[in-house]
C-alpha atoms as a PDB file:
ATOM      1  CA  MET A   1      -2.429  49.319  55.602  1.00  0.00           C
ATOM      2  CA  ASN A   2      -1.305  45.734  55.022  1.00  0.00           C
ATOM      3  CA  SER A   3       2.501  45.607  54.807  1.00  0.00           C
ATOM      4  CA  ALA A   4       2.470  42.954  52.054  1.00  0.00           C
ATOM      5  CA  PRO A   5       2.519  44.550  48.568  1.00  0.00           C
ATOM      6  CA  LEU A   6      -0.489  43.946  46.354  1.00  0.00           C
ATOM      7  CA  LEU A   7       1.714  44.659  43.323  1.00  0.00           C
ATOM      8  CA  ASP A   8       5.485  44.293  43.262  1.00  0.00           C
ATOM      9  CA  VAL A   9       7.505  45.323  40.205  1.00  0.00           C
ATOM     10  CA  LYS A  10      11.229  44.588  40.078  1.00  0.00           C
ATOM     11  CA  ASP A  11      13.757  45.519  37.370  1.00  0.00           C
ATOM     12  CA  LEU A  12      11.040  45.772  34.706  1.00  0.00           C
ATOM     13  CA  THR A  13      12.604  46.396  31.312  1.00  0.00           C
ATOM     14  CA  VAL A  14      10.547  46.824  28.123  1.00  0.00           C
ATOM     15  CA  VAL A  15      11.980  46.849  24.619  1.00  0.00           C
ATOM     16  CA  TYR A  16       9.598  47.533  21.725  1.00  0.00           C
ATOM     17  CA  PRO A  17       9.871  45.621  18.415  1.00  0.00           C
ATOM     18  CA  ASP A  18      11.771  48.516  16.814  1.00  0.00           C
ATOM     19  CA  GLY A  19      14.459  48.286  19.497  1.00  0.00           C
ATOM     20  CA  THR A  20      13.245  51.196  21.618  1.00  0.00           C
ATOM     21  CA  ARG A  21      14.015  50.557  25.298  1.00  0.00           C
ATOM     22  CA  ALA A  22      10.930  52.216  26.812  1.00  0.00           C
ATOM     23  CA  LEU A  23      11.550  51.093  30.404  1.00  0.00           C
ATOM     24  CA  ASP A  24      14.879  50.305  32.029  1.00  0.00           C
ATOM     25  CA  LYS A  25      14.951  48.306  35.298  1.00  0.00           C
ATOM     26  CA  VAL A  26      11.901  49.976  36.866  1.00  0.00           C
ATOM     27  CA  SER A  27      11.122  48.847  40.423  1.00  0.00           C
ATOM     28  CA  PHE A  28       8.355  49.823  42.861  1.00  0.00           C
ATOM     29  CA  SER A  29       5.676  48.310  45.083  1.00  0.00           C
ATOM     30  CA  LEU A  30       2.005  49.130  45.672  1.00  0.00           C
ATOM     31  CA  LEU A  31       0.191  48.371  48.926  1.00  0.00           C
ATOM     32  CA  PRO A  32      -3.543  47.670  49.329  1.00  0.00           C
ATOM     33  CA  GLY A  33      -5.433  50.954  49.583  1.00  0.00           C
ATOM     34  CA  GLU A  34      -2.449  52.979  48.387  1.00  0.00           C
ATOM     35  CA  ILE A  35      -2.349  55.662  45.688  1.00  0.00           C
ATOM     36  CA  LEU A  36       0.842  55.814  43.629  1.00  0.00           C
ATOM     37  CA  GLY A  37       1.505  58.775  41.374  1.00  0.00           C
ATOM     38  CA  VAL A  38       3.656  58.037  38.300  1.00  0.00           C
ATOM     39  CA  ILE A  39       5.166  61.332  37.170  1.00  0.00           C
ATOM     40  CA  GLY A  40       7.174  62.404  34.149  1.00  0.00           C
ATOM     41  CA  GLU A  41       7.165  64.326  30.892  1.00  0.00           C
ATOM     42  CA  SER A  42       5.685  62.938  27.687  1.00  0.00           C
ATOM     43  CA  GLY A  43       7.895  60.110  26.451  1.00  0.00           C
ATOM     44  CA  SER A  44       9.171  59.156  29.900  1.00  0.00           C
ATOM     45  CA  GLY A  45       7.565  55.691  29.797  1.00  0.00           C
ATOM     46  CA  LYS A  46       4.539  56.298  32.038  1.00  0.00           C
ATOM     47  CA  SER A  47       1.925  54.780  29.716  1.00  0.00           C
ATOM     48  CA  THR A  48       4.225  51.881  28.825  1.00  0.00           C
ATOM     49  CA  LEU A  49       4.500  51.088  32.530  1.00  0.00           C
ATOM     50  CA  GLY A  50       0.702  50.928  32.877  1.00  0.00           C
ATOM     51  CA  LEU A  51       0.348  48.715  29.804  1.00  0.00           C
ATOM     52  CA  SER A  52       3.182  46.457  30.956  1.00  0.00           C
ATOM     53  CA  ILE A  53       1.446  45.677  34.238  1.00  0.00           C
ATOM     54  CA  LEU A  54      -1.464  44.232  32.239  1.00  0.00           C
ATOM     55  CA  LYS A  55       0.851  42.787  29.594  1.00  0.00           C
ATOM     56  CA  ILE A  56      -0.918  44.493  26.685  1.00  0.00           C
ATOM     57  CA  LEU A  57       2.097  45.755  24.770  1.00  0.00           C
ATOM     58  CA  PRO A  58       2.559  45.470  20.993  1.00  0.00           C
ATOM     59  CA  GLU A  59       3.274  41.958  19.704  1.00  0.00           C
ATOM     60  CA  LYS A  60       6.938  40.906  19.878  1.00  0.00           C
ATOM     61  CA  SER A  61       7.745  43.447  22.591  1.00  0.00           C
ATOM     62  CA  GLU A  62      10.348  42.114  25.004  1.00  0.00           C
ATOM     63  CA  MET A  63       9.679  42.229  28.756  1.00  0.00           C
ATOM     64  CA  ARG A  64      12.242  41.370  31.426  1.00  0.00           C
ATOM     65  CA  GLY A  65      12.119  41.532  35.202  1.00  0.00           C
ATOM     66  CA  THR A  66       9.127  40.588  37.385  1.00  0.00           C
ATOM     67  CA  VAL A  67       5.593  41.898  37.885  1.00  0.00           C
ATOM     68  CA  THR A  68       4.005  40.099  40.838  1.00  0.00           C
ATOM     69  CA  TYR A  69       0.318  40.537  41.639  1.00  0.00           C
ATOM     70  CA  GLY A  70      -0.410  38.960  45.007  1.00  0.00           C
ATOM     71  CA  GLU A  71       1.621  35.784  44.643  1.00  0.00           C
ATOM     72  CA  ARG A  72       1.176  35.434  40.883  1.00  0.00           C
ATOM     73  CA  SER A  73       3.674  36.391  38.194  1.00  0.00           C
ATOM     74  CA  ILE A  74       1.889  38.406  35.511  1.00  0.00           C
ATOM     75  CA  LEU A  75       4.728  38.051  32.995  1.00  0.00           C
ATOM     76  CA  LYS A  76       4.448  34.251  33.198  1.00  0.00           C
ATOM     77  CA  MET A  77       0.655  34.161  32.776  1.00  0.00           C
ATOM     78  CA  LYS A  78      -0.949  32.749  29.654  1.00  0.00           C
ATOM     79  CA  GLU A  79      -3.524  34.777  27.732  1.00  0.00           C
ATOM     80  CA  ASN A  80      -6.543  33.027  29.270  1.00  0.00           C
ATOM     81  CA  GLU A  81      -5.175  33.729  32.767  1.00  0.00           C
ATOM     82  CA  LEU A  82      -4.585  37.373  31.860  1.00  0.00           C
ATOM     83  CA  ARG A  83      -8.191  37.747  30.683  1.00  0.00           C
ATOM     84  CA  ASP A  84      -9.345  36.814  34.176  1.00  0.00           C
ATOM     85  CA  ILE A  85      -7.078  39.510  35.658  1.00  0.00           C
ATOM     86  CA  ARG A  86      -7.734  42.365  33.224  1.00  0.00           C
ATOM     87  CA  GLY A  87     -10.714  44.453  34.228  1.00  0.00           C
ATOM     88  CA  LYS A  88     -11.874  42.181  37.038  1.00  0.00           C
ATOM     89  CA  GLU A  89      -8.821  42.526  39.289  1.00  0.00           C
ATOM     90  CA  ILE A  90      -6.682  45.157  37.597  1.00  0.00           C
ATOM     91  CA  GLY A  91      -8.516  47.775  35.554  1.00  0.00           C
ATOM     92  CA  MET A  92      -7.117  50.537  33.364  1.00  0.00           C
ATOM     93  CA  VAL A  93      -8.464  53.893  32.220  1.00  0.00           C
ATOM     94  CA  PHE A  94      -6.758  54.554  28.889  1.00  0.00           C
ATOM     95  CA  GLN A  95      -5.585  57.982  27.788  1.00  0.00           C
ATOM     96  CA  ASP A  96      -7.345  57.802  24.393  1.00  0.00           C
ATOM     97  CA  THR A  97     -10.895  56.878  25.400  1.00  0.00           C
ATOM     98  CA  LEU A  98     -12.378  57.437  21.923  1.00  0.00           C
ATOM     99  CA  SER A  99     -10.386  54.567  20.420  1.00  0.00           C
ATOM    100  CA  ALA A 100     -10.792  52.483  23.607  1.00  0.00           C
ATOM    101  CA  PHE A 101     -14.591  52.362  23.164  1.00  0.00           C
ATOM    102  CA  ASP A 102     -16.370  50.354  20.458  1.00  0.00           C
ATOM    103  CA  PRO A 103     -17.820  53.123  18.229  1.00  0.00           C
ATOM    104  CA  LEU A 104     -20.854  51.003  17.212  1.00  0.00           C
ATOM    105  CA  VAL A 105     -22.083  50.084  20.711  1.00  0.00           C
ATOM    106  CA  ARG A 106     -23.870  52.380  23.149  1.00  0.00           C
ATOM    107  CA  ILE A 107     -21.928  53.451  26.225  1.00  0.00           C
ATOM    108  CA  GLY A 108     -24.244  51.788  28.735  1.00  0.00           C
ATOM    109  CA  ARG A 109     -24.056  48.400  27.066  1.00  0.00           C
ATOM    110  CA  GLN A 110     -20.260  48.494  26.952  1.00  0.00           C
ATOM    111  CA  ILE A 111     -20.103  49.291  30.660  1.00  0.00           C
ATOM    112  CA  VAL A 112     -22.297  46.397  31.819  1.00  0.00           C
ATOM    113  CA  GLU A 113     -21.913  43.708  29.127  1.00  0.00           C
ATOM    114  CA  ARG A 114     -19.025  41.758  30.708  1.00  0.00           C
ATOM    115  CA  SER A 115     -20.744  41.371  34.095  1.00  0.00           C
ATOM    116  CA  VAL A 116     -24.104  40.575  32.523  1.00  0.00           C
ATOM    117  CA  GLY A 117     -22.424  38.095  30.165  1.00  0.00           C
ATOM    118  CA  ASP A 118     -20.803  36.340  33.118  1.00  0.00           C
ATOM    119  CA  SER A 119     -24.270  36.132  34.750  1.00  0.00           C
ATOM    120  CA  SER A 120     -22.837  37.752  37.868  1.00  0.00           C
ATOM    121  CA  ILE A 121     -25.492  40.472  37.798  1.00  0.00           C
ATOM    122  CA  GLY A 122     -28.799  41.167  36.018  1.00  0.00           C
ATOM    123  CA  TYR A 123     -29.088  43.862  33.337  1.00  0.00           C
ATOM    124  CA  ARG A 124     -31.418  46.078  35.380  1.00  0.00           C
ATOM    125  CA  GLU A 125     -29.203  45.886  38.461  1.00  0.00           C
ATOM    126  CA  ALA A 126     -26.128  46.483  36.338  1.00  0.00           C
ATOM    127  CA  SER A 127     -27.673  49.576  34.718  1.00  0.00           C
ATOM    128  CA  ALA A 128     -28.558  50.985  38.142  1.00  0.00           C
ATOM    129  CA  LYS A 129     -24.983  50.424  39.332  1.00  0.00           C
ATOM    130  CA  ALA A 130     -23.535  52.165  36.251  1.00  0.00           C
ATOM    131  CA  LEU A 131     -25.931  55.059  36.770  1.00  0.00           C
ATOM    132  CA  GLY A 132     -24.810  55.449  40.379  1.00  0.00           C
ATOM    133  CA  ILE A 133     -21.124  55.515  39.457  1.00  0.00           C
ATOM    134  CA  MET A 134     -21.739  58.126  36.765  1.00  0.00           C
ATOM    135  CA  GLN A 135     -23.638  60.307  39.224  1.00  0.00           C
ATOM    136  CA  SER A 136     -20.754  60.057  41.713  1.00  0.00           C
ATOM    137  CA  LEU A 137     -18.466  61.372  38.938  1.00  0.00           C
ATOM    138  CA  GLY A 138     -20.679  64.420  38.456  1.00  0.00           C
ATOM    139  CA  VAL A 139     -22.073  63.370  35.064  1.00  0.00           C
ATOM    140  CA  THR A 140     -25.182  65.360  34.177  1.00  0.00           C
ATOM    141  CA  TYR A 141     -28.160  63.531  32.616  1.00  0.00           C
ATOM    142  CA  PRO A 142     -26.466  60.132  33.176  1.00  0.00           C
ATOM    143  CA  GLU A 143     -29.427  58.169  31.756  1.00  0.00           C
ATOM    144  CA  SER A 144     -28.992  59.964  28.434  1.00  0.00           C
ATOM    145  CA  ARG A 145     -25.189  59.431  28.467  1.00  0.00           C
ATOM    146  CA  LEU A 146     -25.625  55.677  28.922  1.00  0.00           C
ATOM    147  CA  ARG A 147     -27.814  55.590  25.788  1.00  0.00           C
ATOM    148  CA  SER A 148     -25.253  57.565  23.748  1.00  0.00           C
ATOM    149  CA  PHE A 149     -22.637  56.323  21.315  1.00  0.00           C
ATOM    150  CA  PRO A 150     -18.996  57.270  22.111  1.00  0.00           C
ATOM    151  CA  HIS A 151     -18.726  59.875  19.326  1.00  0.00           C
ATOM    152  CA  GLU A 152     -21.781  61.698  20.697  1.00  0.00           C
ATOM    153  CA  LEU A 153     -20.013  62.576  23.953  1.00  0.00           C
ATOM    154  CA  SER A 154     -17.404  65.216  24.677  1.00  0.00           C
ATOM    155  CA  GLY A 155     -13.887  64.159  25.620  1.00  0.00           C
ATOM    156  CA  GLY A 156     -14.576  64.774  29.303  1.00  0.00           C
ATOM    157  CA  LEU A 157     -17.779  62.733  29.271  1.00  0.00           C
ATOM    158  CA  ARG A 158     -16.073  59.874  27.447  1.00  0.00           C
ATOM    159  CA  GLN A 159     -13.323  59.941  30.046  1.00  0.00           C
ATOM    160  CA  ARG A 160     -15.809  59.698  32.901  1.00  0.00           C
ATOM    161  CA  SER A 161     -17.766  56.998  31.061  1.00  0.00           C
ATOM    162  CA  PHE A 162     -14.609  54.914  30.718  1.00  0.00           C
ATOM    163  CA  ILE A 163     -13.791  55.461  34.387  1.00  0.00           C
ATOM    164  CA  THR A 164     -17.318  54.208  35.134  1.00  0.00           C
ATOM    165  CA  MET A 165     -16.686  51.086  33.064  1.00  0.00           C
ATOM    166  CA  THR A 166     -13.383  50.452  34.864  1.00  0.00           C
ATOM    167  CA  MET A 167     -14.870  50.963  38.329  1.00  0.00           C
ATOM    168  CA  PHE A 168     -17.905  48.815  37.506  1.00  0.00           C
ATOM    169  CA  GLN A 169     -15.891  45.593  37.876  1.00  0.00           C
ATOM    170  CA  ASP A 170     -14.723  46.586  41.392  1.00  0.00           C
ATOM    171  CA  PRO A 171     -11.061  45.758  40.654  1.00  0.00           C
ATOM    172  CA  LYS A 172      -8.434  45.732  43.384  1.00  0.00           C
ATOM    173  CA  ILE A 173      -6.149  47.999  41.340  1.00  0.00           C
ATOM    174  CA  ILE A 174      -7.076  50.755  38.875  1.00  0.00           C
ATOM    175  CA  ILE A 175      -4.426  52.199  36.563  1.00  0.00           C
ATOM    176  CA  MET A 176      -5.425  55.704  35.414  1.00  0.00           C
ATOM    177  CA  ASP A 177      -3.444  57.041  32.456  1.00  0.00           C
ATOM    178  CA  GLU A 178      -3.721  60.858  32.390  1.00  0.00           C
ATOM    179  CA  PRO A 179      -7.393  60.697  33.524  1.00  0.00           C
ATOM    180  CA  THR A 180      -7.720  64.457  34.061  1.00  0.00           C
ATOM    181  CA  THR A 181      -6.511  65.508  30.582  1.00  0.00           C
ATOM    182  CA  ALA A 182      -9.996  66.113  29.144  1.00  0.00           C
ATOM    183  CA  LEU A 183     -11.640  67.215  32.399  1.00  0.00           C
ATOM    184  CA  ASP A 184     -12.397  70.739  33.554  1.00  0.00           C
ATOM    185  CA  VAL A 185     -11.323  71.878  37.021  1.00  0.00           C
ATOM    186  CA  ILE A 186     -14.618  70.949  38.707  1.00  0.00           C
ATOM    187  CA  ALA A 187     -14.576  67.465  37.170  1.00  0.00           C
ATOM    188  CA  GLN A 188     -10.938  67.045  38.254  1.00  0.00           C
ATOM    189  CA  ILE A 189     -11.895  67.816  41.853  1.00  0.00           C
ATOM    190  CA  GLN A 190     -14.765  65.320  41.676  1.00  0.00           C
ATOM    191  CA  LEU A 191     -12.415  62.664  40.289  1.00  0.00           C
ATOM    192  CA  VAL A 192      -9.835  63.260  43.014  1.00  0.00           C
ATOM    193  CA  ASP A 193     -12.564  63.024  45.681  1.00  0.00           C
ATOM    194  CA  LEU A 194     -13.743  59.760  44.132  1.00  0.00           C
ATOM    195  CA  ILE A 195     -10.192  58.359  44.095  1.00  0.00           C
ATOM    196  CA  LYS A 196      -9.875  59.136  47.803  1.00  0.00           C
ATOM    197  CA  THR A 197     -13.173  57.336  48.425  1.00  0.00           C
ATOM    198  CA  LEU A 198     -11.936  54.279  46.535  1.00  0.00           C
ATOM    199  CA  ARG A 199      -8.765  54.242  48.639  1.00  0.00           C
ATOM    200  CA  GLY A 200     -10.961  54.279  51.742  1.00  0.00           C
ATOM    201  CA  LYS A 201     -12.598  51.089  50.450  1.00  0.00           C
ATOM    202  CA  GLY A 202      -9.217  49.373  50.113  1.00  0.00           C
ATOM    203  CA  MET A 203      -8.741  49.867  46.363  1.00  0.00           C
ATOM    204  CA  SER A 204      -5.249  50.716  45.082  1.00  0.00           C
ATOM    205  CA  ILE A 205      -4.700  53.349  42.384  1.00  0.00           C
ATOM    206  CA  ILE A 206      -1.825  53.979  39.986  1.00  0.00           C
ATOM    207  CA  PHE A 207      -2.308  57.580  38.845  1.00  0.00           C
ATOM    208  CA  ILE A 208      -0.254  58.429  35.744  1.00  0.00           C
ATOM    209  CA  THR A 209       0.198  62.146  35.106  1.00  0.00           C
ATOM    210  CA  HIS A 210       2.653  64.853  34.092  1.00  0.00           C
ATOM    211  CA  ASP A 211       1.230  67.143  36.816  1.00  0.00           C
ATOM    212  CA  ILE A 212       3.342  66.624  39.932  1.00  0.00           C
ATOM    213  CA  VAL A 213       1.468  69.311  41.865  1.00  0.00           C
ATOM    214  CA  LEU A 214      -1.924  67.676  41.266  1.00  0.00           C
ATOM    215  CA  ALA A 215      -0.536  64.253  42.230  1.00  0.00           C
ATOM    216  CA  SER A 216       1.000  65.661  45.400  1.00  0.00           C
ATOM    217  CA  THR A 217      -2.440  66.611  46.732  1.00  0.00           C
ATOM    218  CA  PHE A 218      -3.688  63.030  47.127  1.00  0.00           C
ATOM    219  CA  CYS A 219      -1.046  60.425  46.189  1.00  0.00           C
ATOM    220  CA  ASP A 220       0.644  58.501  49.008  1.00  0.00           C
ATOM    221  CA  LYS A 221       3.836  57.858  47.036  1.00  0.00           C
ATOM    222  CA  LEU A 222       5.416  59.216  43.864  1.00  0.00           C
ATOM    223  CA  LEU A 223       7.422  57.369  41.209  1.00  0.00           C
ATOM    224  CA  ILE A 224       9.410  59.815  39.064  1.00  0.00           C
ATOM    225  CA  LEU A 225      10.283  58.510  35.575  1.00  0.00           C
ATOM    226  CA  TYR A 226      12.694  60.024  33.072  1.00  0.00           C
ATOM    227  CA  SER A 227      13.379  58.380  29.704  1.00  0.00           C
ATOM    228  CA  GLY A 228      12.280  55.012  31.018  1.00  0.00           C
ATOM    229  CA  ARG A 229      14.274  55.035  34.249  1.00  0.00           C
ATOM    230  CA  VAL A 230      13.193  55.665  37.843  1.00  0.00           C
ATOM    231  CA  MET A 231      14.795  58.881  39.058  1.00  0.00           C
ATOM    232  CA  GLU A 232      13.187  58.931  42.490  1.00  0.00           C
ATOM    233  CA  PHE A 233      10.639  56.917  44.482  1.00  0.00           C
ATOM    234  CA  GLY A 234       9.261  57.551  47.938  1.00  0.00           C
ATOM    235  CA  ARG A 235       6.521  59.089  50.031  1.00  0.00           C
ATOM    236  CA  THR A 236       4.945  62.167  48.470  1.00  0.00           C
ATOM    237  CA  SER A 237       5.647  64.516  51.383  1.00  0.00           C
ATOM    238  CA  GLN A 238       9.342  63.597  51.270  1.00  0.00           C
ATOM    239  CA  LEU A 239       9.770  64.154  47.538  1.00  0.00           C
ATOM    240  CA  ILE A 240       7.816  67.410  47.451  1.00  0.00           C
ATOM    241  CA  ASP A 241       9.290  69.003  50.589  1.00  0.00           C
ATOM    242  CA  ALA A 242      12.876  67.910  49.954  1.00  0.00           C
ATOM    243  CA  PRO A 243      13.559  66.300  46.552  1.00  0.00           C
ATOM    244  CA  ALA A 244      16.695  64.174  46.368  1.00  0.00           C
ATOM    245  CA  ASN A 245      16.992  64.236  42.576  1.00  0.00           C
ATOM    246  CA  PRO A 246      17.572  67.258  40.300  1.00  0.00           C
ATOM    247  CA  TYR A 247      14.827  66.055  37.924  1.00  0.00           C
ATOM    248  CA  THR A 248      12.211  65.956  40.690  1.00  0.00           C
ATOM    249  CA  GLU A 249      13.357  69.408  41.750  1.00  0.00           C
ATOM    250  CA  GLY A 250      13.054  70.612  38.154  1.00  0.00           C
ATOM    251  CA  LEU A 251       9.501  69.301  37.774  1.00  0.00           C
ATOM    252  CA  ILE A 252       8.413  71.100  40.925  1.00  0.00           C
ATOM    253  CA  SER A 253      10.149  74.364  39.966  1.00  0.00           C
ATOM    254  CA  ALA A 254       8.611  74.323  36.469  1.00  0.00           C
ATOM    255  CA  THR A 255       5.028  73.965  37.753  1.00  0.00           C
ATOM    256  CA  PRO A 256       3.058  77.064  38.858  1.00  0.00           C
ATOM    257  CA  THR A 257       2.120  76.980  42.556  1.00  0.00           C
ATOM    258  CA  LEU A 258       1.261  79.538  45.215  1.00  0.00           C
ATOM    259  CA  SER A 259       4.712  79.046  46.737  1.00  0.00           C
ATOM    260  CA  ASN A 260       6.589  80.190  43.602  1.00  0.00           C
ATOM    261  CA  LEU A 261       4.394  83.136  42.618  1.00  0.00           C
ATOM    262  CA  ASP A 262       7.024  85.617  43.830  1.00  0.00           C
ATOM    263  CA  SER A 263      10.115  83.783  42.606  1.00  0.00           C
ATOM    264  CA  GLY A 264       8.547  82.800  39.278  1.00  0.00           C
ATOM    265  CA  LEU A 265       8.778  79.567  37.318  1.00  0.00           C
ATOM    266  CA  ARG A 266      12.109  77.934  36.544  1.00  0.00           C
ATOM    267  CA  PRO A 267      11.544  75.824  33.429  1.00  0.00           C
ATOM    268  CA  MET A 268      14.005  73.047  32.674  1.00  0.00           C
ATOM    269  CA  LYS A 269      16.247  73.564  29.666  1.00  0.00           C
ATOM    270  CA  GLY A 270      16.324  71.065  26.827  1.00  0.00           C
ATOM    271  CA  VAL A 271      14.128  68.048  26.073  1.00  0.00           C
ATOM    272  CA  LEU A 272      14.118  64.319  26.771  1.00  0.00           C
ATOM    273  CA  PRO A 273      16.809  62.426  24.833  1.00  0.00           C
ATOM    274  CA  SER A 274      15.877  59.956  22.126  1.00  0.00           C
ATOM    275  CA  HIS A 275      15.464  56.395  23.416  1.00  0.00           C
ATOM    276  CA  LYS A 276      17.757  55.267  20.580  1.00  0.00           C
ATOM    277  CA  SER A 277      20.593  57.682  21.419  1.00  0.00           C
ATOM    278  CA  MET A 278      20.817  58.018  25.183  1.00  0.00           C
ATOM    279  CA  PRO A 279      23.696  60.107  26.520  1.00  0.00           C
ATOM    280  CA  ALA A 280      26.464  58.259  28.331  1.00  0.00           C
ATOM    281  CA  GLY A 281      26.340  58.293  32.105  1.00  0.00           C
ATOM    282  CA  CYS A 282      23.249  59.812  33.721  1.00  0.00           C
ATOM    283  CA  ARG A 283      20.587  60.332  31.075  1.00  0.00           C
ATOM    284  CA  PHE A 284      19.516  63.607  32.723  1.00  0.00           C
ATOM    285  CA  TRP A 285      22.939  65.260  32.815  1.00  0.00           C
ATOM    286  CA  PRO A 286      22.471  67.441  29.643  1.00  0.00           C
ATOM    287  CA  ARG A 287      19.601  69.243  31.432  1.00  0.00           C
ATOM    288  CA  CYS A 288      20.881  69.098  35.012  1.00  0.00           C
ATOM    289  CA  LEU A 289      21.836  72.291  36.838  1.00  0.00           C
ATOM    290  CA  TYR A 290      24.292  70.459  39.077  1.00  0.00           C
ATOM    291  CA  VAL A 291      26.095  68.242  36.542  1.00  0.00           C
ATOM    292  CA  GLN A 292      29.631  67.061  37.421  1.00  0.00           C
ATOM    293  CA  GLU A 293      32.181  65.133  35.372  1.00  0.00           C
ATOM    294  CA  ILE A 294      31.165  61.740  36.797  1.00  0.00           C
ATOM    295  CA  CYS A 295      27.587  62.343  35.620  1.00  0.00           C
ATOM    296  CA  ARG A 296      28.750  62.418  31.992  1.00  0.00           C
ATOM    297  CA  SER A 297      30.475  59.044  32.141  1.00  0.00           C
ATOM    298  CA  GLU A 298      28.888  56.825  34.813  1.00  0.00           C
ATOM    299  CA  GLU A 299      25.235  55.869  35.231  1.00  0.00           C
ATOM    300  CA  PRO A 300      24.202  56.708  38.801  1.00  0.00           C
ATOM    301  CA  PRO A 301      23.286  53.831  41.110  1.00  0.00           C
ATOM    302  CA  MET A 302      19.930  53.731  42.879  1.00  0.00           C
ATOM    303  CA  THR A 303      20.797  55.272  46.251  1.00  0.00           C
ATOM    304  CA  THR A 304      18.699  54.382  49.308  1.00  0.00           C
ATOM    305  CA  LEU A 305      18.016  57.365  51.568  1.00  0.00           C
ATOM    306  CA  PRO A 306      16.444  57.718  55.025  1.00  0.00           C
ATOM    307  CA  GLY A 307      12.682  57.186  55.049  1.00  0.00           C
ATOM    308  CA  ASP A 308      12.784  54.231  52.630  1.00  0.00           C
ATOM    309  CA  ARG A 309      13.153  56.402  49.539  1.00  0.00           C
ATOM    310  CA  VAL A 310      15.491  55.949  46.584  1.00  0.00           C
ATOM    311  CA  SER A 311      17.109  58.317  44.095  1.00  0.00           C
ATOM    312  CA  ALA A 312      19.161  57.699  40.945  1.00  0.00           C
ATOM    313  CA  CYS A 313      21.744  60.440  41.419  1.00  0.00           C
ATOM    314  CA  HIS A 314      25.465  60.421  42.185  1.00  0.00           C
ATOM    315  CA  PHE A 315      24.882  63.296  44.599  1.00  0.00           C
ATOM    316  CA  ALA A 316      21.464  62.376  45.984  1.00  0.00           C
ATOM    317  CA  GLN A 317      22.408  63.148  49.598  1.00  0.00           C
ATOM    318  CA  LYS A 318      23.831  66.547  48.612  1.00  0.00           C
ATOM    319  CA  VAL A 319      20.707  67.417  46.598  1.00  0.00           C
ATOM    320  CA  LEU A 320      18.584  66.366  49.573  1.00  0.00           C
ATOM    321  CA  ASN A 321      20.556  68.562  51.987  1.00  0.00           C
ATOM    322  CA  ARG A 322      20.707  71.556  49.622  1.00  0.00           C
END
């Protein structure tokens, strides 16, 4: 892989118009041909991160930090510059595909209309390309699906149709926000196989999910988010085999796998704190099994560990060696 990041995010902070701080100094990098898994519970800021990269947040949202694509600063781009990036160079598969589609336009037309409108491809050629992508996603009767309206398709078929539309532009980066939510197990396997194929072609993927076990099967790196802050970031094998943050450890222990069939699940106590009333110190301490007095009063620094990984924990090295 090329050592120069295709996408470099540093200290990204997002504050919504109502004052909610959805992201707090999030940093990570994405290499060409790399798959990054963004992991966390609902409300951790995963979707906000994906939307921030394309700068499609609600009006009057405040964004600080830097988001660099190649050598260009996305946060400094004007709207006409962003339109040239969105879809063509950075695509996104949204979590709610029903509202993402135009309900009055057939699926096939929505998939091909931008390329045909730009005169970069003819309608017949574009339709054949869309058909091929749908077939690779395991869509049955793809010709019929392309002629359908969004409401006529099941959630899983709409999801795969939107993935087709995103892939159609051949972007360099695809952001997938919970793409397996409406898919059955077979369709999930087909999607994962397709993602691996795209990586082989040099495409980079940001895979947003709450399922750390699924992400661990194909993601190169994992970014663990909790209440808008990075808790841990590093290579997947490192984080899964030896987590250096109690939250990462908790996510793994709370997910059913073959390795914990005998010991049973260990669900985390409590819930995410409100973004408007964060606890002092480490925001995870009310749920942490290893909490100490310093955790209640001081926010942990981002600690760099061997193997170019980082963890936001006062006792990251101890957790790692546990």
